[in-house]
Amino acid sequence: MKLVKLLFNAVVAWALGLAFIAATLYFSNSGADFTTTDLMGFGVLAVVASGLLMLVLYLPGLYWLKRRRGGVRPRINFALLAGFVL
């Protein structure tokens, strides 16, 4: 159950990161919509690369931080610390 919470935390951070990347690209492109080519090219590469980085770096880091702190309580402090440290 504890590992599921850490995995959920990582997936939410991953989704927010992808949303931030998409918003940055949208506004840096003067609000022009994405074409199918943009989504297929950038979208697939971003999902694969960020997913691999999450599995290789972020999840072990969260697990280490959880062990070091002795748990994830209070949750807001753990989330802020994970964002600051990792």
C-alpha atoms as a PDB file:
ATOM      1  CA  MET A   1       0.000   0.000   0.000  1.00  0.00           C
ATOM      2  CA  LYS A   2       2.843   2.379   0.824  1.00  0.00           C
ATOM      3  CA  LEU A   3       4.541   1.770  -2.501  1.00  0.00           C
ATOM      4  CA  VAL A   4       1.250   2.510  -4.271  1.00  0.00           C
ATOM      5  CA  LYS A   5       1.101   5.911  -2.562  1.00  0.00           C
ATOM      6  CA  LEU A   6       4.631   6.707  -3.701  1.00  0.00           C
ATOM      7  CA  LEU A   7       3.835   5.557  -7.227  1.00  0.00           C
ATOM      8  CA  PHE A   8       0.699   7.722  -7.256  1.00  0.00           C
ATOM      9  CA  ASN A   9       2.712  10.722  -6.046  1.00  0.00           C
ATOM     10  CA  ALA A  10       5.246  10.179  -8.829  1.00  0.00           C
ATOM     11  CA  VAL A  11       2.577   9.777 -11.528  1.00  0.00           C
ATOM     12  CA  VAL A  12       0.840  12.993 -10.453  1.00  0.00           C
ATOM     13  CA  ALA A  13       4.146  14.886 -10.541  1.00  0.00           C
ATOM     14  CA  TRP A  14       4.858  13.373 -13.970  1.00  0.00           C
ATOM     15  CA  ALA A  15       1.467  14.440 -15.332  1.00  0.00           C
ATOM     16  CA  LEU A  16       1.911  17.957 -13.981  1.00  0.00           C
ATOM     17  CA  GLY A  17       5.350  18.141 -15.577  1.00  0.00           C
ATOM     18  CA  LEU A  18       3.945  17.095 -18.946  1.00  0.00           C
ATOM     19  CA  ALA A  19       1.162  19.665 -18.605  1.00  0.00           C
ATOM     20  CA  PHE A  20       3.758  22.341 -17.838  1.00  0.00           C
ATOM     21  CA  ILE A  21       5.792  21.365 -20.909  1.00  0.00           C
ATOM     22  CA  ALA A  22       2.694  21.444 -23.113  1.00  0.00           C
ATOM     23  CA  ALA A  23       1.637  24.838 -21.739  1.00  0.00           C
ATOM     24  CA  THR A  24       5.129  26.245 -22.281  1.00  0.00           C
ATOM     25  CA  LEU A  25       5.161  25.039 -25.879  1.00  0.00           C
ATOM     26  CA  TYR A  26       1.645  26.375 -26.475  1.00  0.00           C
ATOM     27  CA  PHE A  27       2.405  29.876 -25.183  1.00  0.00           C
ATOM     28  CA  SER A  28       5.872  30.052 -26.754  1.00  0.00           C
ATOM     29  CA  ASN A  29       4.242  29.245 -30.104  1.00  0.00           C
ATOM     30  CA  SER A  30       1.957  32.327 -29.830  1.00  0.00           C
ATOM     31  CA  GLY A  31      -1.039  30.230 -28.892  1.00  0.00           C
ATOM     32  CA  ALA A  32      -1.032  28.192 -32.080  1.00  0.00           C
ATOM     33  CA  ASP A  33      -2.636  24.792 -31.753  1.00  0.00           C
ATOM     34  CA  PHE A  34      -0.565  21.670 -31.899  1.00  0.00           C
ATOM     35  CA  THR A  35      -0.676  19.716 -35.116  1.00  0.00           C
ATOM     36  CA  THR A  36      -0.879  15.945 -35.257  1.00  0.00           C
ATOM     37  CA  THR A  37       2.774  15.835 -36.235  1.00  0.00           C
ATOM     38  CA  ASP A  38       3.731  17.888 -33.171  1.00  0.00           C
ATOM     39  CA  LEU A  39       1.792  15.626 -30.841  1.00  0.00           C
ATOM     40  CA  MET A  40       3.112  12.418 -32.366  1.00  0.00           C
ATOM     41  CA  GLY A  41       6.718  13.592 -32.448  1.00  0.00           C
ATOM     42  CA  PHE A  42       7.097  15.514 -29.228  1.00  0.00           C
ATOM     43  CA  GLY A  43       4.374  13.800 -27.258  1.00  0.00           C
ATOM     44  CA  VAL A  44       5.707  10.288 -27.650  1.00  0.00           C
ATOM     45  CA  LEU A  45       9.294  11.317 -26.970  1.00  0.00           C
ATOM     46  CA  ALA A  46       8.332  13.327 -23.878  1.00  0.00           C
ATOM     47  CA  VAL A  47       6.181  10.539 -22.452  1.00  0.00           C
ATOM     48  CA  VAL A  48       8.818   7.866 -22.982  1.00  0.00           C
ATOM     49  CA  ALA A  49      11.747   9.955 -21.749  1.00  0.00           C
ATOM     50  CA  SER A  50       9.976  11.342 -18.699  1.00  0.00           C
ATOM     51  CA  GLY A  51       8.537   7.936 -17.840  1.00  0.00           C
ATOM     52  CA  LEU A  52      11.973   6.349 -17.904  1.00  0.00           C
ATOM     53  CA  LEU A  53      13.466   9.158 -15.846  1.00  0.00           C
ATOM     54  CA  MET A  54      10.649   8.830 -13.330  1.00  0.00           C
ATOM     55  CA  LEU A  55      11.276   5.102 -12.925  1.00  0.00           C
ATOM     56  CA  VAL A  56      15.066   5.370 -12.792  1.00  0.00           C
ATOM     57  CA  LEU A  57      15.549   8.524 -10.709  1.00  0.00           C
ATOM     58  CA  TYR A  58      12.379   9.878  -9.128  1.00  0.00           C
ATOM     59  CA  LEU A  59      10.789   6.755  -7.612  1.00  0.00           C
ATOM     60  CA  PRO A  60      13.995   5.548  -5.915  1.00  0.00           C
ATOM     61  CA  GLY A  61      14.500   9.099  -4.653  1.00  0.00           C
ATOM     62  CA  LEU A  62      11.009   9.176  -3.181  1.00  0.00           C
ATOM     63  CA  TYR A  63      11.539   5.786  -1.585  1.00  0.00           C
ATOM     64  CA  TRP A  64      14.847   6.944  -0.075  1.00  0.00           C
ATOM     65  CA  LEU A  65      13.241  10.152   1.216  1.00  0.00           C
ATOM     66  CA  LYS A  66      10.361   8.209   2.747  1.00  0.00           C
ATOM     67  CA  ARG A  67      12.763   5.873   4.556  1.00  0.00           C
ATOM     68  CA  ARG A  68      14.922   8.786   5.724  1.00  0.00           C
ATOM     69  CA  ARG A  69      11.937  10.683   7.148  1.00  0.00           C
ATOM     70  CA  GLY A  70      10.268   7.575   8.574  1.00  0.00           C
ATOM     71  CA  GLY A  71       7.070   7.991   6.569  1.00  0.00           C
ATOM     72  CA  VAL A  72       5.113  10.471   4.516  1.00  0.00           C
ATOM     73  CA  ARG A  73       3.252  12.232   7.327  1.00  0.00           C
ATOM     74  CA  PRO A  74       2.372  15.115   7.087  1.00  0.00           C
ATOM     75  CA  ARG A  75       1.791  14.745   3.384  1.00  0.00           C
ATOM     76  CA  ILE A  76       2.162  18.416   2.462  1.00  0.00           C
ATOM     77  CA  ASN A  77       5.621  18.570   4.053  1.00  0.00           C
ATOM     78  CA  PHE A  78       6.684  15.401   2.247  1.00  0.00           C
ATOM     79  CA  ALA A  79       5.461  16.751  -1.100  1.00  0.00           C
ATOM     80  CA  LEU A  80       7.226  20.080  -0.595  1.00  0.00           C
ATOM     81  CA  LEU A  81      10.435  18.408   0.537  1.00  0.00           C
ATOM     82  CA  ALA A  82      10.337  15.986  -2.407  1.00  0.00           C
ATOM     83  CA  GLY A  83       9.882  18.907  -4.793  1.00  0.00           C
ATOM     84  CA  PHE A  84      12.762  20.780  -3.201  1.00  0.00           C
ATOM     85  CA  VAL A  85      15.213  17.888  -2.817  1.00  0.00           C
ATOM     86  CA  LEU A  86      14.438  15.840  -5.904  1.00  0.00           C
END
